[in-house]
Amino acid sequence: MAETALYPRFAAERLTEALEDSPAVLIHGPRQSGKTTLAQRVGGRVGYAYLSFDDEAVRTAATTDPVGFVADLPPRAILDEVQHVPHLFVTLKAAIDRDRRPGRFLLTGSTNVLLLPKLSDSLAGRMAIVRLHPLAQCELEGKRPSFLERLLGAGFKVRPFERLGALLPERIAAGGYPAALKLPAGRRRACWYEAYIETIVQRDVRELSRIASLDVMPRLLAAAAAQTARLVNVSDLAAPFSLSRPTIRDYLTLLARVFLLEELPPWHANRLSRLVKTPKLHLGDTGLACALLGADAKALWADRALFGQLLETFVFQELKRQASWHEHALAFYHFRDRDGYEVDIVIEQGAHAVAGIEVKAAATVTAADFRGLRKLKDAAGRRFACGAVLYDGTMSLAFGDSLYAVPIRALWEGA
């Protein structure tokens, strides 16, 4: 648990607020992202007891007599890795309906319950959910960023930044898993990721579905890593395996349920009819992606095509991590039409604002780099707040009304 102790977790404030309002709060996110540490850090201040369903004895007790198990819990309890006992959600629901005091149960889970209808429905209206990602770059730096606030309203100042250069692929290859970051880059970190994937496949995926070909999952995940930041192409992903497209599609869903990858849906507007409606694929963490591909920082720097893909996923994941504690709910999309206009990341703040981000690995920006953002601006109309081309340069610059070139470093160093 000590691995995240050095870093602030900006989701802690959201967690504290949720415990003041909801009878149950679930922290969910991938294994080894720091959920247990955060739960104990926040819950420990107010006397929460801790039980883990990774412990076989605890799991057996909850499975054998769920009603008695919940009845005997202390007034406030942390229930860790609750995905191992999905039947417990019904019992927790009954207990909450009898006593709706806020903050009774602090749960953690390494499976996305929002993608499991029976579980999410059982605690609808009774449970708040806090998403915890691996460490964001701003958490690694210990600085609360202002990037999203500027993107969604204030705009960006003209100011200089120091270019990242070769430090950028190092950040991409390192990723955000606390335990992996403690290890030196190279063989030891790669071995950690190999064991990490094996644990998820053998435990969490096996629990979610009785699939016959568990050995396919790590290879499929590696194939997905090679397609990160590209439109989902199930046929290409299925090609190396003796499995049908529907089976591969089911396996991708399983990998999304354990937070190893996600699909970014297309943004749409009524005034546009030629939009591409295929989602984009993104790995959940670029450190994991690099380990799967056997690519270190030096290899990334040499392979500009792969560097560009992983840089886009790196930016996307940093923004998702910052959005997880943002004051307003933010939805993420990509934009592409059949005429070749595209925007890598579109962020929507309800009916209030739309912003677009284009990601470039280069150190320079030209007016042509804004063609997709201008198309998005026309489509969004009054809702358009800002468009930014993130690049590895040294100056934040204005490129017309609400359009900016912004160094990637501004994501976590202030904009």
Protein backbone atom coordinates (compact mmCIF):
# COMPACT_ATOMS: atom_id res chain seq x y z
CA MET A 1 0.00 0.00 0.00
CA ALA A 2 2.96 2.30 0.35
CA GLU A 3 3.42 2.71 -3.37
CA THR A 4 0.85 5.49 -3.76
CA ALA A 5 1.62 7.18 -0.45
CA LEU A 6 4.04 9.62 -2.06
CA TYR A 7 1.47 10.91 -4.53
CA PRO A 8 -1.73 12.91 -3.99
CA ARG A 9 -4.90 11.30 -5.33
CA PHE A 10 -7.14 14.10 -6.48
CA ALA A 11 -10.17 11.76 -6.43
CA ALA A 12 -9.96 11.74 -2.61
CA GLU A 13 -12.09 14.88 -2.32
CA ARG A 14 -14.84 13.35 -4.47
CA LEU A 15 -14.71 10.17 -2.38
CA THR A 16 -15.06 12.11 0.89
CA GLU A 17 -18.06 14.01 -0.47
CA ALA A 18 -19.71 10.82 -1.72
CA LEU A 19 -19.36 9.15 1.68
CA GLU A 20 -21.18 12.11 3.24
CA ASP A 21 -24.14 11.65 0.87
CA SER A 22 -24.52 7.96 -0.07
CA PRO A 23 -25.04 4.79 2.01
CA ALA A 24 -22.57 2.94 -0.23
CA VAL A 25 -19.69 4.24 -2.30
CA LEU A 26 -17.81 2.13 -4.83
CA ILE A 27 -14.28 2.96 -5.93
CA HIS A 28 -13.77 1.05 -9.14
CA GLY A 29 -10.85 0.90 -11.51
CA PRO A 30 -8.14 -1.50 -12.66
CA ARG A 31 -6.21 -3.70 -10.28
CA GLN A 32 -3.14 -2.06 -8.76
CA SER A 33 -4.38 1.47 -9.48
CA GLY A 34 -4.43 2.41 -5.78
CA LYS A 35 -8.06 1.73 -4.81
CA THR A 36 -7.25 0.00 -1.52
CA THR A 37 -4.75 2.66 -0.54
CA LEU A 38 -7.25 5.44 -1.26
CA ALA A 39 -10.06 3.65 0.61
CA GLN A 40 -7.88 3.10 3.67
CA ARG A 41 -6.45 6.61 3.53
CA VAL A 42 -9.90 8.23 3.47
CA GLY A 43 -11.78 5.62 5.53
CA GLY A 44 -9.01 5.26 8.10
CA ARG A 45 -9.58 8.83 9.28
CA VAL A 46 -13.09 7.96 10.49
CA GLY A 47 -12.64 4.40 11.72
CA TYR A 48 -13.67 2.13 8.86
CA ALA A 49 -12.98 -1.58 9.40
CA TYR A 50 -11.26 -3.33 6.48
CA LEU A 51 -12.11 -6.68 4.89
CA SER A 52 -10.78 -8.00 1.58
CA PHE A 53 -12.51 -10.54 -0.63
CA ASP A 54 -9.12 -11.47 -2.02
CA ASP A 55 -8.87 -13.33 1.31
CA GLU A 56 -10.39 -16.77 0.75
CA ALA A 57 -11.76 -17.06 4.30
CA VAL A 58 -13.57 -13.72 4.05
CA ARG A 59 -14.88 -14.62 0.60
CA THR A 60 -16.15 -18.00 1.82
CA ALA A 61 -17.92 -16.45 4.81
CA ALA A 62 -19.69 -13.92 2.58
CA THR A 63 -20.66 -16.61 0.08
CA THR A 64 -21.91 -19.13 2.66
CA ASP A 65 -24.10 -16.70 4.61
CA PRO A 66 -24.32 -13.29 2.91
CA VAL A 67 -27.16 -12.05 5.14
CA GLY A 68 -25.32 -12.96 8.34
CA PHE A 69 -22.05 -11.60 6.96
CA VAL A 70 -23.54 -8.16 6.25
CA ALA A 71 -25.48 -8.11 9.53
CA ASP A 72 -22.28 -8.71 11.50
CA LEU A 73 -20.29 -5.95 9.78
CA PRO A 74 -19.13 -2.96 11.87
CA PRO A 75 -21.10 0.31 11.45
CA ARG A 76 -18.63 1.41 8.77
CA ALA A 77 -16.72 -1.07 6.64
CA ILE A 78 -14.38 -1.14 3.65
CA LEU A 79 -15.18 -4.18 1.48
CA ASP A 80 -12.24 -4.65 -0.88
CA GLU A 81 -12.44 -6.32 -4.33
CA VAL A 82 -16.20 -6.82 -4.09
CA GLN A 83 -16.40 -8.20 -7.65
CA HIS A 84 -15.46 -11.61 -6.17
CA VAL A 85 -18.86 -11.81 -4.40
CA PRO A 86 -21.40 -10.33 -6.86
CA HIS A 87 -24.34 -11.94 -5.01
CA LEU A 88 -23.51 -9.69 -2.02
CA PHE A 89 -24.91 -6.64 -3.85
CA VAL A 90 -28.48 -7.87 -3.31
CA THR A 91 -27.84 -8.32 0.42
CA LEU A 92 -26.21 -4.88 0.65
CA LYS A 93 -29.27 -3.42 -1.11
CA ALA A 94 -31.58 -4.90 1.53
CA ALA A 95 -29.36 -3.66 4.35
CA ILE A 96 -29.29 -0.14 2.90
CA ASP A 97 -33.06 -0.10 2.44
CA ARG A 98 -33.39 -0.79 6.18
CA ASP A 99 -30.83 1.85 7.17
CA ARG A 100 -29.89 4.58 4.70
CA ARG A 101 -27.30 6.37 6.81
CA PRO A 102 -24.59 7.75 4.52
CA GLY A 103 -21.12 6.25 4.46
CA ARG A 104 -21.98 2.76 5.74
CA PHE A 105 -20.16 0.79 3.05
CA LEU A 106 -17.02 1.74 1.17
CA LEU A 107 -16.53 -0.80 -1.62
CA THR A 108 -13.71 -1.28 -4.09
CA GLY A 109 -13.90 -3.29 -7.29
CA SER A 110 -11.67 -4.17 -10.21
CA THR A 111 -14.61 -4.81 -12.52
CA ASN A 112 -16.71 -2.08 -14.12
CA VAL A 113 -20.14 -2.64 -12.55
CA LEU A 114 -21.63 -0.10 -14.95
CA LEU A 115 -21.12 -2.74 -17.66
CA LEU A 116 -22.80 -5.43 -15.54
CA PRO A 117 -26.50 -4.46 -15.52
CA LYS A 118 -27.62 -6.79 -12.72
CA LEU A 119 -25.01 -5.41 -10.32
CA SER A 120 -25.46 -1.76 -11.23
CA ASP A 121 -29.26 -2.01 -11.10
CA SER A 122 -29.25 -3.64 -7.65
CA LEU A 123 -27.71 -0.56 -6.04
CA ALA A 124 -29.15 2.12 -8.30
CA GLY A 125 -29.91 5.22 -6.24
CA ARG A 126 -28.12 3.74 -3.23
CA MET A 127 -24.51 3.75 -4.34
CA ALA A 128 -22.20 6.50 -5.57
CA ILE A 129 -19.36 5.51 -7.88
CA VAL A 130 -15.88 7.03 -7.91
CA ARG A 131 -13.65 5.99 -10.80
CA LEU A 132 -9.98 5.60 -9.95
CA HIS A 133 -7.43 5.38 -12.75
CA PRO A 134 -3.72 4.69 -12.52
CA LEU A 135 -1.76 7.79 -11.54
CA ALA A 136 -2.20 10.86 -13.72
CA GLN A 137 0.85 12.88 -14.74
CA CYS A 138 -0.40 15.78 -12.63
CA GLU A 139 -0.56 13.47 -9.59
CA LEU A 140 2.99 12.32 -10.29
CA GLU A 141 3.99 15.99 -10.35
CA GLY A 142 1.89 16.80 -7.28
CA LYS A 143 0.14 19.69 -9.07
CA ARG A 144 -3.61 20.16 -9.47
CA PRO A 145 -4.01 21.14 -13.14
CA SER A 146 -6.19 23.80 -14.73
CA PHE A 147 -6.16 22.39 -18.26
CA LEU A 148 -9.80 21.26 -18.43
CA GLU A 149 -11.07 24.54 -16.97
CA ARG A 150 -9.21 26.46 -19.67
CA LEU A 151 -10.29 24.10 -22.41
CA LEU A 152 -13.95 24.36 -21.44
CA GLY A 153 -14.13 28.09 -20.91
CA ALA A 154 -11.23 30.30 -19.94
CA GLY A 155 -9.01 29.65 -22.96
CA PHE A 156 -5.21 29.46 -22.98
CA LYS A 157 -2.67 32.18 -22.32
CA VAL A 158 0.22 32.93 -24.66
CA ARG A 159 3.21 31.70 -22.68
CA PRO A 160 6.42 29.67 -23.06
CA PHE A 161 6.98 26.06 -21.98
CA GLU A 162 10.02 23.85 -21.90
CA ARG A 163 9.91 21.23 -24.65
CA LEU A 164 9.62 17.64 -23.45
CA GLY A 165 11.50 16.02 -26.34
CA ALA A 166 12.92 12.61 -25.40
CA LEU A 167 11.31 12.88 -21.94
CA LEU A 168 7.89 12.41 -23.56
CA PRO A 169 8.36 8.78 -24.68
CA GLU A 170 9.78 8.06 -21.23
CA ARG A 171 6.55 9.25 -19.61
CA ILE A 172 4.49 7.27 -22.14
CA ALA A 173 6.43 4.04 -21.55
CA ALA A 174 6.32 4.45 -17.76
CA GLY A 175 2.51 4.69 -17.56
CA GLY A 176 0.72 5.27 -14.27
CA TYR A 177 0.58 2.02 -12.28
CA PRO A 178 2.17 2.82 -8.89
CA ALA A 179 3.81 -0.59 -8.41
CA ALA A 180 5.28 -0.56 -11.93
CA LEU A 181 6.66 2.95 -11.45
CA LYS A 182 8.63 1.74 -8.43
CA LEU A 183 10.57 -0.65 -10.68
CA PRO A 184 13.34 0.31 -13.12
CA ALA A 185 12.38 0.44 -16.79
CA GLY A 186 13.28 -2.71 -18.67
CA ARG A 187 13.07 -6.38 -17.75
CA ARG A 188 11.82 -5.99 -14.17
CA ARG A 189 8.96 -3.68 -15.14
CA ALA A 190 8.06 -5.91 -18.10
CA CYS A 191 7.92 -8.93 -15.75
CA TRP A 192 5.58 -7.00 -13.46
CA TYR A 193 3.19 -6.31 -16.35
CA GLU A 194 3.33 -9.94 -17.47
CA ALA A 195 2.37 -11.12 -13.99
CA TYR A 196 -0.27 -8.38 -13.77
CA ILE A 197 -2.01 -9.49 -16.95
CA GLU A 198 -1.83 -13.15 -15.89
CA THR A 199 -3.51 -12.30 -12.57
CA ILE A 200 -6.36 -10.43 -14.24
CA VAL A 201 -6.95 -13.14 -16.84
CA GLN A 202 -6.82 -16.02 -14.37
CA ARG A 203 -8.89 -14.35 -11.67
CA ASP A 204 -11.12 -11.50 -12.83
CA VAL A 205 -11.80 -12.55 -16.43
CA ARG A 206 -12.34 -16.17 -15.39
CA GLU A 207 -14.90 -15.03 -12.80
CA LEU A 208 -16.72 -12.87 -15.33
CA SER A 209 -17.12 -15.49 -18.02
CA ARG A 210 -16.53 -19.19 -18.54
CA ILE A 211 -14.47 -18.84 -21.69
CA ALA A 212 -12.54 -21.77 -23.12
CA SER A 213 -9.58 -19.87 -24.54
CA LEU A 214 -8.12 -17.88 -21.65
CA ASP A 215 -4.69 -18.15 -23.28
CA VAL A 216 -5.97 -15.97 -26.12
CA MET A 217 -6.59 -12.97 -23.87
CA PRO A 218 -2.98 -11.75 -23.40
CA ARG A 219 -2.33 -12.10 -27.14
CA LEU A 220 -5.55 -10.30 -27.99
CA LEU A 221 -4.63 -7.52 -25.58
CA ALA A 222 -1.25 -7.19 -27.33
CA ALA A 223 -3.03 -7.00 -30.69
CA ALA A 224 -5.31 -4.31 -29.26
CA ALA A 225 -2.25 -2.41 -28.01
CA ALA A 226 -0.96 -2.29 -31.59
CA GLN A 227 -4.32 -0.79 -32.63
CA THR A 228 -4.58 1.76 -29.84
CA ALA A 229 -5.87 5.17 -31.01
CA ARG A 230 -7.27 3.58 -34.19
CA LEU A 231 -10.83 2.80 -35.23
CA VAL A 232 -11.95 -0.55 -33.85
CA ASN A 233 -11.45 -3.26 -36.49
CA VAL A 234 -12.66 -6.58 -35.12
CA SER A 235 -11.73 -8.43 -38.33
CA ASP A 236 -8.09 -7.36 -38.03
CA LEU A 237 -8.05 -8.29 -34.35
CA ALA A 238 -9.59 -11.70 -35.09
CA ALA A 239 -7.21 -12.53 -37.96
CA PRO A 240 -4.38 -14.11 -35.87
CA PHE A 241 -6.80 -16.32 -33.92
CA SER A 242 -8.98 -19.29 -34.83
CA LEU A 243 -11.99 -17.52 -33.36
CA SER A 244 -15.03 -15.84 -34.86
CA ARG A 245 -15.56 -12.10 -34.99
CA PRO A 246 -18.45 -12.29 -32.46
CA THR A 247 -16.19 -14.20 -30.05
CA ILE A 248 -13.42 -11.62 -30.38
CA ARG A 249 -16.01 -8.88 -29.84
CA ASP A 250 -17.12 -10.62 -26.62
CA TYR A 251 -13.49 -10.86 -25.47
CA LEU A 252 -12.98 -7.14 -26.08
CA THR A 253 -16.02 -6.48 -23.89
CA LEU A 254 -14.50 -8.61 -21.13
CA LEU A 255 -11.22 -6.68 -21.35
CA ALA A 256 -13.17 -3.43 -21.08
CA ARG A 257 -14.96 -4.74 -17.99
CA VAL A 258 -11.62 -5.12 -16.19
CA PHE A 259 -10.49 -1.65 -17.36
CA LEU A 260 -7.67 -2.86 -19.63
CA LEU A 261 -9.08 -1.13 -22.69
CA GLU A 262 -11.97 1.10 -23.66
CA GLU A 263 -13.78 2.17 -26.78
CA LEU A 264 -14.19 5.88 -27.48
CA PRO A 265 -17.55 6.47 -29.18
CA PRO A 266 -18.00 8.82 -32.14
CA TRP A 267 -19.36 12.31 -31.55
CA HIS A 268 -22.44 13.15 -33.57
CA ALA A 269 -24.39 16.24 -34.58
CA ASN A 270 -27.72 16.54 -36.34
CA ARG A 271 -26.31 18.98 -38.89
CA LEU A 272 -23.70 16.47 -40.11
CA SER A 273 -24.70 13.41 -42.15
CA ARG A 274 -21.35 12.00 -43.26
CA LEU A 275 -19.93 11.06 -39.88
CA VAL A 276 -17.98 7.84 -39.32
CA LYS A 277 -19.81 5.93 -36.60
CA THR A 278 -17.08 3.46 -35.60
CA PRO A 279 -15.58 3.81 -32.11
CA LYS A 280 -11.88 4.21 -31.45
CA LEU A 281 -9.89 1.77 -29.37
CA HIS A 282 -7.65 2.92 -26.49
CA LEU A 283 -5.60 0.85 -24.06
CA GLY A 284 -6.24 1.76 -20.43
CA ASP A 285 -2.62 2.72 -19.74
CA THR A 286 0.33 3.41 -22.05
CA GLY A 287 2.80 1.69 -19.73
CA LEU A 288 0.76 -1.49 -20.11
CA ALA A 289 0.55 -0.96 -23.89
CA CYS A 290 4.32 -0.51 -24.21
CA ALA A 291 4.99 -3.63 -22.14
CA LEU A 292 2.62 -5.66 -24.34
CA LEU A 293 4.36 -4.38 -27.48
CA GLY A 294 7.88 -4.78 -26.08
CA ALA A 295 8.53 -1.09 -26.78
CA ASP A 296 10.62 1.01 -24.42
CA ALA A 297 11.12 4.79 -24.61
CA LYS A 298 14.02 4.46 -27.05
CA ALA A 299 12.01 2.24 -29.40
CA LEU A 300 9.08 4.65 -29.26
CA TRP A 301 11.27 7.62 -30.12
CA ALA A 302 12.60 5.72 -33.16
CA ASP A 303 9.19 4.51 -34.41
CA ARG A 304 7.29 7.72 -35.05
CA ALA A 305 4.09 6.00 -36.20
CA LEU A 306 3.83 3.95 -32.99
CA PHE A 307 4.90 6.99 -30.97
CA GLY A 308 2.04 9.00 -32.47
CA GLN A 309 -0.52 6.32 -31.61
CA LEU A 310 0.64 5.92 -28.03
CA LEU A 311 0.93 9.67 -27.56
CA GLU A 312 -2.73 10.06 -28.49
CA THR A 313 -3.70 7.35 -25.98
CA PHE A 314 -1.42 8.98 -23.37
CA VAL A 315 -3.19 12.34 -23.80
CA PHE A 316 -6.62 10.69 -23.81
CA GLN A 317 -5.92 8.80 -20.60
CA GLU A 318 -4.48 11.88 -18.87
CA LEU A 319 -7.65 13.80 -19.72
CA LYS A 320 -9.90 10.94 -18.56
CA ARG A 321 -7.98 10.81 -15.27
CA GLN A 322 -8.35 14.56 -14.73
CA ALA A 323 -12.05 14.38 -15.68
CA SER A 324 -12.66 11.72 -13.01
CA TRP A 325 -12.40 14.36 -10.26
CA HIS A 326 -13.68 17.34 -12.29
CA GLU A 327 -16.54 19.36 -10.85
CA HIS A 328 -18.80 18.60 -13.82
CA ALA A 329 -19.53 15.31 -15.55
CA LEU A 330 -17.64 15.15 -18.85
CA ALA A 331 -18.23 12.78 -21.76
CA PHE A 332 -15.51 11.78 -24.23
CA TYR A 333 -15.78 11.09 -27.96
CA HIS A 334 -13.82 11.24 -31.18
CA PHE A 335 -14.88 13.01 -34.39
CA ARG A 336 -14.36 11.80 -37.94
CA ASP A 337 -16.28 12.21 -41.18
CA ARG A 338 -16.07 10.58 -44.58
CA ASP A 339 -14.39 13.66 -46.06
CA GLY A 340 -11.29 13.13 -43.93
CA TYR A 341 -11.95 15.70 -41.21
CA GLU A 342 -11.16 14.35 -37.75
CA VAL A 343 -10.53 15.38 -34.17
CA ASP A 344 -8.76 12.92 -31.87
CA ILE A 345 -10.67 13.73 -28.68
CA VAL A 346 -13.97 15.57 -28.20
CA ILE A 347 -15.08 16.50 -24.67
CA GLU A 348 -18.69 17.40 -23.97
CA GLN A 349 -19.95 19.06 -20.80
CA GLY A 350 -23.62 18.20 -21.03
CA ALA A 351 -25.55 20.72 -23.10
CA HIS A 352 -23.17 23.52 -22.13
CA ALA A 353 -19.89 23.08 -23.95
CA VAL A 354 -18.01 21.09 -26.58
CA ALA A 355 -14.22 21.15 -26.90
CA GLY A 356 -11.85 19.37 -29.24
CA ILE A 357 -8.26 18.21 -28.96
CA GLU A 358 -5.95 17.16 -31.78
CA VAL A 359 -2.69 15.46 -30.75
CA LYS A 360 0.58 15.92 -32.65
CA ALA A 361 3.94 14.34 -31.93
CA ALA A 362 5.74 17.13 -33.81
CA ALA A 363 7.37 20.24 -32.36
CA THR A 364 5.63 22.64 -34.79
CA VAL A 365 2.02 23.48 -35.64
CA THR A 366 0.55 24.91 -38.84
CA ALA A 367 -2.89 26.27 -39.72
CA ALA A 368 -3.66 23.01 -41.55
CA ASP A 369 -3.54 21.14 -38.24
CA PHE A 370 -6.77 22.91 -37.23
CA ARG A 371 -8.92 21.77 -40.16
CA GLY A 372 -10.72 19.10 -38.11
CA LEU A 373 -11.22 21.44 -35.17
CA ARG A 374 -12.73 24.08 -37.46
CA LYS A 375 -15.16 21.48 -38.80
CA LEU A 376 -16.08 20.51 -35.24
CA LYS A 377 -16.52 24.16 -34.34
CA ASP A 378 -18.97 24.66 -37.20
CA ALA A 379 -20.90 21.53 -36.22
CA ALA A 380 -21.08 22.42 -32.51
CA GLY A 381 -22.14 26.01 -33.14
CA ARG A 382 -22.64 28.09 -30.00
CA ARG A 383 -21.71 25.15 -27.77
CA PHE A 384 -18.12 25.16 -29.04
CA ALA A 385 -15.86 26.32 -26.21
CA CYS A 386 -12.34 25.70 -27.47
CA GLY A 387 -10.15 23.70 -29.79
CA ALA A 388 -6.53 22.84 -29.01
CA VAL A 389 -3.75 21.18 -30.95
CA LEU A 390 -1.48 19.60 -28.36
CA TYR A 391 2.08 19.36 -29.64
CA ASP A 392 5.62 18.92 -28.33
CA GLY A 393 6.54 22.57 -28.70
CA THR A 394 7.63 25.49 -26.55
CA MET A 395 4.82 28.08 -26.86
CA SER A 396 1.12 28.26 -26.16
CA LEU A 397 -0.31 30.32 -29.04
CA ALA A 398 -3.67 31.51 -30.35
CA PHE A 399 -4.68 30.38 -33.87
CA GLY A 400 -7.88 32.30 -34.31
CA ASP A 401 -11.10 32.54 -32.34
CA SER A 402 -11.10 29.87 -29.59
CA LEU A 403 -8.36 27.84 -31.31
CA TYR A 404 -4.95 27.30 -29.71
CA ALA A 405 -1.69 25.45 -30.10
CA VAL A 406 -0.72 24.17 -26.64
CA PRO A 407 2.40 22.26 -25.55
CA ILE A 408 1.65 18.79 -24.18
CA ARG A 409 3.41 19.70 -20.93
CA ALA A 410 0.55 22.15 -20.24
CA LEU A 411 -1.69 19.14 -19.51
CA TRP A 412 -0.15 18.79 -16.06
CA GLU A 413 1.92 21.94 -15.51
CA GLY A 414 -0.81 24.54 -15.76
CA ALA A 415 -2.00 26.20 -18.93
